Amino acid sequence: TVTASEAAGDTLTTSSTTGFYLGMPIQFYGVVFGNIVAGTTYYVRTIVANTSFTVSSTLGGGDFALADATGTMVLIIAPLL
């Protein structure tokens, strides 16, 4: 389960951010929430804590604005083109 929080600085929360790195390309699948579009590539912008992170819609861009929501999405490492 991934949770989106606009109020907490546009953060996404998951069980662990172990293995994440800044600029890591990721995609989400499943129930779309928090303005996230399934199958679109996002990039890890900041790792806030061991369970929280922010994403950008472009590599090196600003925080992606999220709407508060909770849902189940699968986070995968996006393929590099």
PDB file of N, CA and C in Angstrom:
ATOM      1  N   THR A   1       0.846  -1.182   0.000  1.00  0.00           N
ATOM      2  CA  THR A   1       0.000   0.000   0.000  1.00  0.00           C
ATOM      3  C   THR A   1       0.885   1.237   0.000  1.00  0.00           C
ATOM      4  N   VAL A   2       0.559   2.168  -0.848  1.00  0.00           N
ATOM      5  CA  VAL A   2       1.258   3.448  -0.904  1.00  0.00           C
ATOM      6  C   VAL A   2       0.242   4.522  -0.568  1.00  0.00           C
ATOM      7  N   THR A   3       0.630   5.483   0.269  1.00  0.00           N
ATOM      8  CA  THR A   3      -0.242   6.582   0.652  1.00  0.00           C
ATOM      9  C   THR A   3       0.332   7.888   0.126  1.00  0.00           C
ATOM     10  N   ALA A   4      -0.513   8.750  -0.421  1.00  0.00           N
ATOM     11  CA  ALA A   4      -0.088  10.067  -0.900  1.00  0.00           C
ATOM     12  C   ALA A   4      -0.580  11.131   0.065  1.00  0.00           C
ATOM     13  N   SER A   5       0.273  12.102   0.376  1.00  0.00           N
ATOM     14  CA  SER A   5      -0.127  13.176   1.280  1.00  0.00           C
ATOM     15  C   SER A   5       0.325  14.526   0.750  1.00  0.00           C
ATOM     16  N   GLU A   6      -0.630  15.328   0.330  1.00  0.00           N
ATOM     17  CA  GLU A   6      -0.345  16.691  -0.109  1.00  0.00           C
ATOM     18  C   GLU A   6       0.057  17.535   1.095  1.00  0.00           C
ATOM     19  N   ALA A   7      -0.610  17.310   2.224  1.00  0.00           N
ATOM     20  CA  ALA A   7      -0.369  18.106   3.429  1.00  0.00           C
ATOM     21  C   ALA A   7       1.028  17.882   4.004  1.00  0.00           C
ATOM     22  N   ALA A   8       1.631  16.739   3.730  1.00  0.00           N
ATOM     23  CA  ALA A   8       2.958  16.422   4.276  1.00  0.00           C
ATOM     24  C   ALA A   8       4.045  16.669   3.235  1.00  0.00           C
ATOM     25  N   GLY A   9       3.908  17.734   2.457  1.00  0.00           N
ATOM     26  CA  GLY A   9       4.943  18.078   1.491  1.00  0.00           C
ATOM     27  C   GLY A   9       4.933  17.212   0.252  1.00  0.00           C
ATOM     28  N   ASP A  10       3.752  16.802  -0.188  1.00  0.00           N
ATOM     29  CA  ASP A  10       3.619  15.968  -1.389  1.00  0.00           C
ATOM     30  C   ASP A  10       4.430  14.679  -1.288  1.00  0.00           C
ATOM     31  N   THR A  11       4.338  14.015  -0.132  1.00  0.00           N
ATOM     32  CA  THR A  11       5.099  12.789   0.082  1.00  0.00           C
ATOM     33  C   THR A  11       4.280  11.549  -0.226  1.00  0.00           C
ATOM     34  N   LEU A  12       4.997  10.526  -0.641  1.00  0.00           N
ATOM     35  CA  LEU A  12       4.437   9.189  -0.795  1.00  0.00           C
ATOM     36  C   LEU A  12       5.031   8.339   0.310  1.00  0.00           C
ATOM     37  N   THR A  13       4.227   7.488   0.905  1.00  0.00           N
ATOM     38  CA  THR A  13       4.691   6.633   1.984  1.00  0.00           C
ATOM     39  C   THR A  13       4.509   5.175   1.582  1.00  0.00           C
ATOM     40  N   THR A  14       5.548   4.397   1.813  1.00  0.00           N
ATOM     41  CA  THR A  14       5.533   2.971   1.509  1.00  0.00           C
ATOM     42  C   THR A  14       6.187   2.236   2.670  1.00  0.00           C
ATOM     43  N   SER A  15       6.260   0.924   2.609  1.00  0.00           N
ATOM     44  CA  SER A  15       6.794   0.158   3.739  1.00  0.00           C
ATOM     45  C   SER A  15       8.282   0.409   3.974  1.00  0.00           C
ATOM     46  N   SER A  16       9.043   0.697   2.909  1.00  0.00           N
ATOM     47  CA  SER A  16      10.474   0.953   3.060  1.00  0.00           C
ATOM     48  C   SER A  16      11.019   1.650   1.817  1.00  0.00           C
ATOM     49  N   THR A  17      11.931   2.566   2.024  1.00  0.00           N
ATOM     50  CA  THR A  17      12.611   3.209   0.901  1.00  0.00           C
ATOM     51  C   THR A  17      14.014   2.630   0.701  1.00  0.00           C
ATOM     52  N   THR A  18      14.294   1.516   1.341  1.00  0.00           N
ATOM     53  CA  THR A  18      15.586   0.855   1.174  1.00  0.00           C
ATOM     54  C   THR A  18      15.797   0.541  -0.305  1.00  0.00           C
ATOM     55  N   GLY A  19      16.926   0.897  -0.839  1.00  0.00           N
ATOM     56  CA  GLY A  19      17.239   0.659  -2.238  1.00  0.00           C
ATOM     57  C   GLY A  19      16.861   1.816  -3.150  1.00  0.00           C
ATOM     58  N   PHE A  20      16.128   2.783  -2.636  1.00  0.00           N
ATOM     59  CA  PHE A  20      15.790   3.963  -3.434  1.00  0.00           C
ATOM     60  C   PHE A  20      17.028   4.843  -3.563  1.00  0.00           C
ATOM     61  N   TYR A  21      17.114   5.589  -4.649  1.00  0.00           N
ATOM     62  CA  TYR A  21      18.172   6.575  -4.794  1.00  0.00           C
ATOM     63  C   TYR A  21      17.610   7.776  -5.542  1.00  0.00           C
ATOM     64  N   LEU A  22      18.215   8.934  -5.356  1.00  0.00           N
ATOM     65  CA  LEU A  22      17.741  10.157  -5.993  1.00  0.00           C
ATOM     66  C   LEU A  22      17.835  10.012  -7.508  1.00  0.00           C
ATOM     67  N   GLY A  23      16.766  10.387  -8.198  1.00  0.00           N
ATOM     68  CA  GLY A  23      16.714  10.259  -9.649  1.00  0.00           C
ATOM     69  C   GLY A  23      16.277   8.897 -10.139  1.00  0.00           C
ATOM     70  N   MET A  24      16.017   7.967  -9.222  1.00  0.00           N
ATOM     71  CA  MET A  24      15.592   6.620  -9.613  1.00  0.00           C
ATOM     72  C   MET A  24      14.273   6.689 -10.375  1.00  0.00           C
ATOM     73  N   PRO A  25      14.214   6.127 -11.594  1.00  0.00           N
ATOM     74  CA  PRO A  25      12.960   6.129 -12.336  1.00  0.00           C
ATOM     75  C   PRO A  25      12.023   5.055 -11.787  1.00  0.00           C
ATOM     76  N   ILE A  26      10.776   5.432 -11.536  1.00  0.00           N
ATOM     77  CA  ILE A  26       9.797   4.495 -11.000  1.00  0.00           C
ATOM     78  C   ILE A  26       8.465   4.666 -11.728  1.00  0.00           C
ATOM     79  N   GLN A  27       7.667   3.621 -11.691  1.00  0.00           N
ATOM     80  CA  GLN A  27       6.317   3.660 -12.230  1.00  0.00           C
ATOM     81  C   GLN A  27       5.387   3.026 -11.216  1.00  0.00           C
ATOM     82  N   PHE A  28       4.110   3.366 -11.297  1.00  0.00           N
ATOM     83  CA  PHE A  28       3.094   2.818 -10.414  1.00  0.00           C
ATOM     84  C   PHE A  28       2.039   2.120 -11.253  1.00  0.00           C
ATOM     85  N   TYR A  29       1.519   1.033 -10.738  1.00  0.00           N
ATOM     86  CA  TYR A  29       0.433   0.313 -11.388  1.00  0.00           C
ATOM     87  C   TYR A  29      -0.620  -0.006 -10.346  1.00  0.00           C
ATOM     88  N   GLY A  30      -1.838  -0.204 -10.787  1.00  0.00           N
ATOM     89  CA  GLY A  30      -2.937  -0.513  -9.876  1.00  0.00           C
ATOM     90  C   GLY A  30      -3.905   0.642  -9.829  1.00  0.00           C
ATOM     91  N   VAL A  31      -4.503   0.852  -8.675  1.00  0.00           N
ATOM     92  CA  VAL A  31      -5.482   1.914  -8.493  1.00  0.00           C
ATOM     93  C   VAL A  31      -4.758   3.258  -8.514  1.00  0.00           C
ATOM     94  N   VAL A  32      -5.149   4.136  -9.407  1.00  0.00           N
ATOM     95  CA  VAL A  32      -4.506   5.447  -9.529  1.00  0.00           C
ATOM     96  C   VAL A  32      -5.035   6.364  -8.432  1.00  0.00           C
ATOM     97  N   PHE A  33      -4.145   7.129  -7.791  1.00  0.00           N
ATOM     98  CA  PHE A  33      -4.556   8.057  -6.743  1.00  0.00           C
ATOM     99  C   PHE A  33      -3.541   9.172  -6.615  1.00  0.00           C
ATOM    100  N   GLY A  34      -3.933  10.233  -5.936  1.00  0.00           N
ATOM    101  CA  GLY A  34      -3.023  11.325  -5.648  1.00  0.00           C
ATOM    102  C   GLY A  34      -2.441  11.982  -6.883  1.00  0.00           C
ATOM    103  N   ASN A  35      -3.176  11.986  -7.999  1.00  0.00           N
ATOM    104  CA  ASN A  35      -2.751  12.550  -9.278  1.00  0.00           C
ATOM    105  C   ASN A  35      -1.725  11.676 -10.001  1.00  0.00           C
ATOM    106  N   ILE A  36      -1.325  10.576  -9.441  1.00  0.00           N
ATOM    107  CA  ILE A  36      -0.379   9.665 -10.083  1.00  0.00           C
ATOM    108  C   ILE A  36      -1.083   8.997 -11.263  1.00  0.00           C
ATOM    109  N   VAL A  37      -0.379   8.894 -12.377  1.00  0.00           N
ATOM    110  CA  VAL A  37      -0.926   8.236 -13.566  1.00  0.00           C
ATOM    111  C   VAL A  37      -0.220   6.889 -13.725  1.00  0.00           C
ATOM    112  N   ALA A  38      -0.986   5.821 -13.728  1.00  0.00           N
ATOM    113  CA  ALA A  38      -0.417   4.480 -13.850  1.00  0.00           C
ATOM    114  C   ALA A  38       0.387   4.358 -15.136  1.00  0.00           C
ATOM    115  N   GLY A  39       1.564   3.745 -15.029  1.00  0.00           N
ATOM    116  CA  GLY A  39       2.405   3.503 -16.188  1.00  0.00           C
ATOM    117  C   GLY A  39       3.278   4.677 -16.609  1.00  0.00           C
ATOM    118  N   THR A  40       3.097   5.841 -15.964  1.00  0.00           N
ATOM    119  CA  THR A  40       3.921   7.012 -16.266  1.00  0.00           C
ATOM    120  C   THR A  40       5.198   6.941 -15.441  1.00  0.00           C
ATOM    121  N   THR A  41       6.317   7.334 -16.032  1.00  0.00           N
ATOM    122  CA  THR A  41       7.581   7.324 -15.302  1.00  0.00           C
ATOM    123  C   THR A  41       7.719   8.590 -14.465  1.00  0.00           C
ATOM    124  N   TYR A  42       8.026   8.388 -13.190  1.00  0.00           N
ATOM    125  CA  TYR A  42       8.327   9.467 -12.249  1.00  0.00           C
ATOM    126  C   TYR A  42       9.744   9.218 -11.749  1.00  0.00           C
ATOM    127  N   TYR A  43      10.300  10.195 -11.062  1.00  0.00           N
ATOM    128  CA  TYR A  43      11.669  10.078 -10.563  1.00  0.00           C
ATOM    129  C   TYR A  43      11.693  10.416  -9.081  1.00  0.00           C
ATOM    130  N   VAL A  44      12.435   9.623  -8.296  1.00  0.00           N
ATOM    131  CA  VAL A  44      12.573   9.908  -6.872  1.00  0.00           C
ATOM    132  C   VAL A  44      13.305  11.234  -6.749  1.00  0.00           C
ATOM    133  N   ARG A  45      12.657  12.200  -6.103  1.00  0.00           N
ATOM    134  CA  ARG A  45      13.253  13.537  -5.942  1.00  0.00           C
ATOM    135  C   ARG A  45      13.947  13.675  -4.605  1.00  0.00           C
ATOM    136  N   THR A  46      13.259  13.268  -3.533  1.00  0.00           N
ATOM    137  CA  THR A  46      13.859  13.290  -2.200  1.00  0.00           C
ATOM    138  C   THR A  46      13.450  12.027  -1.451  1.00  0.00           C
ATOM    139  N   ILE A  47      14.306  11.581  -0.568  1.00  0.00           N
ATOM    140  CA  ILE A  47      13.976  10.496   0.351  1.00  0.00           C
ATOM    141  C   ILE A  47      13.834  11.165   1.707  1.00  0.00           C
ATOM    142  N   VAL A  48      12.588  11.310   2.137  1.00  0.00           N
ATOM    143  CA  VAL A  48      12.278  12.080   3.344  1.00  0.00           C
ATOM    144  C   VAL A  48      12.641  11.290   4.594  1.00  0.00           C
ATOM    145  N   ALA A  49      12.345  10.010   4.603  1.00  0.00           N
ATOM    146  CA  ALA A  49      12.613   9.128   5.743  1.00  0.00           C
ATOM    147  C   ALA A  49      12.709   7.710   5.211  1.00  0.00           C
ATOM    148  N   ASN A  50      12.853   6.745   6.114  1.00  0.00           N
ATOM    149  CA  ASN A  50      12.993   5.365   5.651  1.00  0.00           C
ATOM    150  C   ASN A  50      11.700   4.788   5.080  1.00  0.00           C
ATOM    151  N   THR A  51      10.612   5.554   5.129  1.00  0.00           N
ATOM    152  CA  THR A  51       9.355   5.093   4.533  1.00  0.00           C
ATOM    153  C   THR A  51       8.687   6.151   3.658  1.00  0.00           C
ATOM    154  N   SER A  52       9.282   7.339   3.519  1.00  0.00           N
ATOM    155  CA  SER A  52       8.639   8.431   2.786  1.00  0.00           C
ATOM    156  C   SER A  52       9.574   8.999   1.725  1.00  0.00           C
ATOM    157  N   PHE A  53       8.974   9.403   0.592  1.00  0.00           N
ATOM    158  CA  PHE A  53       9.754   9.984  -0.483  1.00  0.00           C
ATOM    159  C   PHE A  53       8.868  10.901  -1.317  1.00  0.00           C
ATOM    160  N   THR A  54       9.493  11.754  -2.119  1.00  0.00           N
ATOM    161  CA  THR A  54       8.755  12.588  -3.059  1.00  0.00           C
ATOM    162  C   THR A  54       9.194  12.213  -4.469  1.00  0.00           C
ATOM    163  N   VAL A  55       8.352  12.532  -5.428  1.00  0.00           N
ATOM    164  CA  VAL A  55       8.681  12.245  -6.824  1.00  0.00           C
ATOM    165  C   VAL A  55       8.571  13.510  -7.656  1.00  0.00           C
ATOM    166  N   SER A  56       9.215  13.464  -8.803  1.00  0.00           N
ATOM    167  CA  SER A  56       9.152  14.529  -9.786  1.00  0.00           C
ATOM    168  C   SER A  56       8.693  13.908 -11.097  1.00  0.00           C
ATOM    169  N   SER A  57       8.008  14.676 -11.909  1.00  0.00           N
ATOM    170  CA  SER A  57       7.576  14.144 -13.200  1.00  0.00           C
ATOM    171  C   SER A  57       8.677  14.258 -14.250  1.00  0.00           C
ATOM    172  N   THR A  58       9.735  15.004 -13.935  1.00  0.00           N
ATOM    173  CA  THR A  58      10.894  15.099 -14.825  1.00  0.00           C
ATOM    174  C   THR A  58      12.155  14.909 -14.004  1.00  0.00           C
ATOM    175  N   LEU A  59      13.163  14.356 -14.596  1.00  0.00           N
ATOM    176  CA  LEU A  59      14.426  14.143 -13.900  1.00  0.00           C
ATOM    177  C   LEU A  59      15.002  15.490 -13.494  1.00  0.00           C
ATOM    178  N   GLY A  60      15.230  15.683 -12.208  1.00  0.00           N
ATOM    179  CA  GLY A  60      15.761  16.936 -11.692  1.00  0.00           C
ATOM    180  C   GLY A  60      14.713  18.016 -11.496  1.00  0.00           C
ATOM    181  N   GLY A  61      13.449  17.697 -11.737  1.00  0.00           N
ATOM    182  CA  GLY A  61      12.373  18.677 -11.597  1.00  0.00           C
ATOM    183  C   GLY A  61      11.930  18.853 -10.159  1.00  0.00           C
ATOM    184  N   GLY A  62      10.916  19.681  -9.978  1.00  0.00           N
ATOM    185  CA  GLY A  62      10.363  19.945  -8.654  1.00  0.00           C
ATOM    186  C   GLY A  62       9.428  18.842  -8.199  1.00  0.00           C
ATOM    187  N   ASP A  63       9.004  18.945  -6.936  1.00  0.00           N
ATOM    188  CA  ASP A  63       8.075  17.956  -6.379  1.00  0.00           C
ATOM    189  C   ASP A  63       6.807  17.879  -7.213  1.00  0.00           C
ATOM    190  N   PHE A  64       6.341  16.669  -7.466  1.00  0.00           N
ATOM    191  CA  PHE A  64       5.083  16.441  -8.160  1.00  0.00           C
ATOM    192  C   PHE A  64       3.964  16.705  -7.161  1.00  0.00           C
ATOM    193  N   ALA A  65       3.027  17.577  -7.504  1.00  0.00           N
ATOM    194  CA  ALA A  65       1.926  17.925  -6.603  1.00  0.00           C
ATOM    195  C   ALA A  65       0.955  16.757  -6.492  1.00  0.00           C
ATOM    196  N   LEU A  66       0.695  16.340  -5.274  1.00  0.00           N
ATOM    197  CA  LEU A  66      -0.189  15.206  -5.014  1.00  0.00           C
ATOM    198  C   LEU A  66      -1.484  15.668  -4.371  1.00  0.00           C
ATOM    199  N   ALA A  67      -2.518  14.870  -4.543  1.00  0.00           N
ATOM    200  CA  ALA A  67      -3.763  15.040  -3.802  1.00  0.00           C
ATOM    201  C   ALA A  67      -3.776  13.963  -2.724  1.00  0.00           C
ATOM    202  N   ASP A  68      -4.340  14.269  -1.553  1.00  0.00           N
ATOM    203  CA  ASP A  68      -4.402  13.261  -0.491  1.00  0.00           C
ATOM    204  C   ASP A  68      -5.221  12.066  -0.947  1.00  0.00           C
ATOM    205  N   ALA A  69      -4.671  10.897  -0.736  1.00  0.00           N
ATOM    206  CA  ALA A  69      -5.377   9.674  -1.109  1.00  0.00           C
ATOM    207  C   ALA A  69      -4.640   8.477  -0.552  1.00  0.00           C
ATOM    208  N   THR A  70      -5.345   7.387  -0.451  1.00  0.00           N
ATOM    209  CA  THR A  70      -4.756   6.121  -0.051  1.00  0.00           C
ATOM    210  C   THR A  70      -5.203   5.074  -1.040  1.00  0.00           C
ATOM    211  N   GLY A  71      -4.311   4.180  -1.378  1.00  0.00           N
ATOM    212  CA  GLY A  71      -4.684   3.119  -2.296  1.00  0.00           C
ATOM    213  C   GLY A  71      -3.583   2.093  -2.393  1.00  0.00           C
ATOM    214  N   THR A  72      -3.827   1.088  -3.178  1.00  0.00           N
ATOM    215  CA  THR A  72      -2.829   0.058  -3.395  1.00  0.00           C
ATOM    216  C   THR A  72      -2.263   0.238  -4.787  1.00  0.00           C
ATOM    217  N   MET A  73      -0.980   0.488  -4.850  1.00  0.00           N
ATOM    218  CA  MET A  73      -0.290   0.599  -6.127  1.00  0.00           C
ATOM    219  C   MET A  73       1.003  -0.181  -6.029  1.00  0.00           C
ATOM    220  N   VAL A  74       1.421  -0.732  -7.138  1.00  0.00           N
ATOM    221  CA  VAL A  74       2.687  -1.437  -7.196  1.00  0.00           C
ATOM    222  C   VAL A  74       3.724  -0.464  -7.743  1.00  0.00           C
ATOM    223  N   LEU A  75       4.813  -0.298  -7.035  1.00  0.00           N
ATOM    224  CA  LEU A  75       5.898   0.575  -7.451  1.00  0.00           C
ATOM    225  C   LEU A  75       6.976  -0.297  -8.061  1.00  0.00           C
ATOM    226  N   ILE A  76       7.400   0.013  -9.277  1.00  0.00           N
ATOM    227  CA  ILE A  76       8.468  -0.758  -9.927  1.00  0.00           C
ATOM    228  C   ILE A  76       9.541   0.194 -10.413  1.00  0.00           C
ATOM    229  N   ILE A  77      10.728  -0.342 -10.625  1.00  0.00           N
ATOM    230  CA  ILE A  77      11.776   0.442 -11.258  1.00  0.00           C
ATOM    231  C   ILE A  77      11.423   0.537 -12.730  1.00  0.00           C
ATOM    232  N   ALA A  78      11.385   1.740 -13.248  1.00  0.00           N
ATOM    233  CA  ALA A  78      10.995   1.960 -14.640  1.00  0.00           C
ATOM    234  C   ALA A  78      12.142   1.541 -15.559  1.00  0.00           C
ATOM    235  N   PRO A  79      11.797   1.057 -16.731  1.00  0.00           N
ATOM    236  CA  PRO A  79      12.863   0.706 -17.692  1.00  0.00           C
ATOM    237  C   PRO A  79      13.565   1.950 -18.199  1.00  0.00           C
ATOM    238  N   LEU A  80      14.848   1.869 -18.363  1.00  0.00           N
ATOM    239  CA  LEU A  80      15.595   2.987 -18.919  1.00  0.00           C
ATOM    240  C   LEU A  80      15.529   2.896 -20.433  1.00  0.00           C
ATOM    241  N   LEU A  81      15.211   4.004 -21.080  1.00  0.00           N
ATOM    242  CA  LEU A  81      15.099   4.006 -22.541  1.00  0.00           C
ATOM    243  C   LEU A  81      16.386   4.434 -23.182  1.00  0.00           C
TER     244      LEU A  81
END
